[in-house]
Every structure is written in C-alpha cells, then in structure tokens.
Amino acid sequence: MNKLDCSLPSESTQRQNLFWNWVDHQVRRLVAGWIEQALQVLQGQYLGVGWNRRRPGRRGYRNGYRQRSLTTPQGVLPIRVPRLRQGMFDPRPIFERYQRRIVDVERVLRHAYLLGTSTRDTAELAEQLFGGPLSHQTVSRVMRWLDEQLVRWRQEPIAPVYPVVYIDGMHVDRVGSDRTVMLVAGRRDNGLLEVLGFCVGAGESCTDLLAGLRRRGLEQVDLFVSDESNAIRSALAWVYPEVGWQHCVFHRLAQLRADMGGTLDRDRMVAEAACVFRCPSREAALDRAGLWRQRWQALYPGAVDHFLEGLRDSLRFYDLPMAWWKRVRTNNPLERLIRTLRHRLRPMGCFHDDPAIERAVFGQLLRRHLVKLTHNT
C-alpha cells in the first residue's frame, strides 16, 4: 500500500484561495449592507417620516448619498452615507461623524504598538490585516489616547503604602540628542512593585519628579534605593531630607571590580567584600569590613579606600526588618524593569520628541500592569 501523500496539489490550493476570497468578498458586502441599512434607519428616525410619505412637521428631506471609507475588522469598506438637504442626523450609534476606523481596529493597532512594534511596522501590519493603507503618522495619532491616560495618572493621589522606593534612569534615543528617562518605583509590604512616576530629561535630574510625587501623597517612606548618582542624591536631600538613602550594593561591588582591573586577586577580593552585606547585623558587617580592609589594604590601598568610603550608606537596609534586607540591598528590581523596557523600546527606533518617548514608556508600563490607574482606560 502506498504511503499517504499529504502534499496539497496546486489546483486544490487555487480552488481554496478562490473559495475563501469569495467568502471574504461576500462578508464585506454583507457588513457594508448592514451598516448602510442601519444608517437609513437612523435617517428615517431623525426625519420622522418614511420614504415617499408626506407629513407636516418633518425635520428635513433626503438628498442622496455620499461615499466614504470605513476601516473595519473585515477590511476597508465603501459605505454610502445618507445625506439631507439641510442639517445632518447623528450617526454616532454606529460610528463617530468623522471616524475612519472603528474601535476594534484601533484596539488591534494599540495592542501591536504596546507589544513593542514601531509605528511604521504597525502601519504595515494594519495594511496586511485590514487591506487598506495606513501611514505611520496615523498610527501615531491613534496612539495619542495614551497621552490623556498619562495626564490623569500623573494627577492621581498616591497612598502612603510604599516603605521602600527605588530610583533609576535609562537612556533613550531621540532625534537631535539622547534623553534620560528617570523612573521611581515603590514596593508595598506584600512585595508588589509599582511605578509611581517617571520623567524625560537631558540628565538624571529628578527633583521636580520627586516633589510632584510628594505633593500627590508619597509619604511614610523608610528608605530610598539608588546608585551613587549626584543628581539623585541632591534631589533626595532637597525633597526628602528626613528619609534614609541606600547606596545600591551591586553598584558598589561593580565599582570595586572596575577599580581592581584585571588583577588576579579581583574575584576573591570582590567575593569577600560581598560577604560584608550578608552579615546578621550592621555591627557585624562593620567588623567584617574591618577584617577585609586589614587583608587587602597593603596590596590595593586605592581600591580598598574607595570601596569603604561611605560604606554606611550601603548598610541602611539594616534599619528595616530582616524580611526586607534582601529586597532593598540593591536596585535590581528596578534594573530588571529597565532592561525589559529597553528590550521593548529598541524596535521602535529613534523617537521624534519627548512626548513620543513618554507615550511609549507609559504604554509599556500600562501593558505590564506596573502603573496603578483608578480610572477606566
């Protein structure tokens, strides 16, 4: 018995294509016909009189049709919209007066954009899905729904439920010059991480951002965590002078590794330094740091002094309950989020202006449920 040949003959493939093209054409005609019938019903309700009927007090007279295109999930449909000699009836039960795309189409475009697709690629995807051309400028206008959501989010009050707050920034390509996106994220007692605010600027300055968060209710913070950025430290000293600052342990150890260069003792020296931050108390950590200094001071005095400079700033996590120590020693929770954002923003290419950057960042945060909204989106 011959083996079953599963290959599809070309003639059969052509027949299937013809059949499904015919089905698609019939579906388009059917949907367009339903839309036109619904518009005629609305027109009749507005006029208050049917075809070829006379009635005193009617609100106008029919005056043919005008042609327009409407992008739907079934494709771009040519629609005959009824006209009146004077005035215009309201088509909003079906679509907005000047609407070119129905809501489902824009929802698909928004979802593609939030998945990290550039506006040009989203426009090409729309043409493949809906059969009609769509410019990347049009996609950008569709995405501006995020602007309103962003404005409202930045005005919402913040509950004082974030004992630990992380601050960090990332660089984004923009036409003319690169920009820095500064992010502030808070961790609740249950471990949930939420982004509380972000800003786009030329550097790591975040004084206005932190001041805005405090006005919105960001209080009862026990500890801020960040790298050793002068701009961040200056902003914290100005806005939250009473709150402690934790210098990220990972960045301190990374700086020690950089200071050591390619010496043979580098890995052992960094590993022993990391043990300082695993001690059961601050006093034990300081004692361990003293022993570490005695071991390596004579061999690498510059690297040792640099590592121990301001060491107490990296031991602030001992002020919190032990359950928090591992979470707040480093800025890694926010660093991981930033890596994800970079991965999503990179395919979008170089942004045209700051609002485009804010729109893209907010969209990614919204998609990952890292921003809390109290209004409907």
Foldseek 3Di string as FASTA:
>chain_A
DDDDDPDDDPVNVVVVVVVVVVVLVVVLVVVLVVLQVVLVVQVCVQQVDDPPDDDPPGPFDWDFWDWDWAFEQSAIHIHTHTDTPDDDTAPVVPNHPPHRYDPVLLVVLLVVVLQQAALQVSQVVSCVRRVDGDHSVNSVVSLCVLVVVVVVLLQAADEQFFQEKEWDWDWAFAPPDIKIKIWIWGAGPVGDIATNDIAIGRDRACLVVLQSNVVSPHDNHAEYEYAPDPNVVVSCCVRPVPHAYAHAPVNLLVVLLVLVPPDPCSVVLSVQLVVLLVDPAVVSSVVSLVVSCVVCCVPRVVSSVSSPVVVVSLVSLRVDPPVCSVVRSHSVVVVVVVVVLCVSNVNNPHHHDRVVVVSNVSSNSVVVVNRDDPDDD
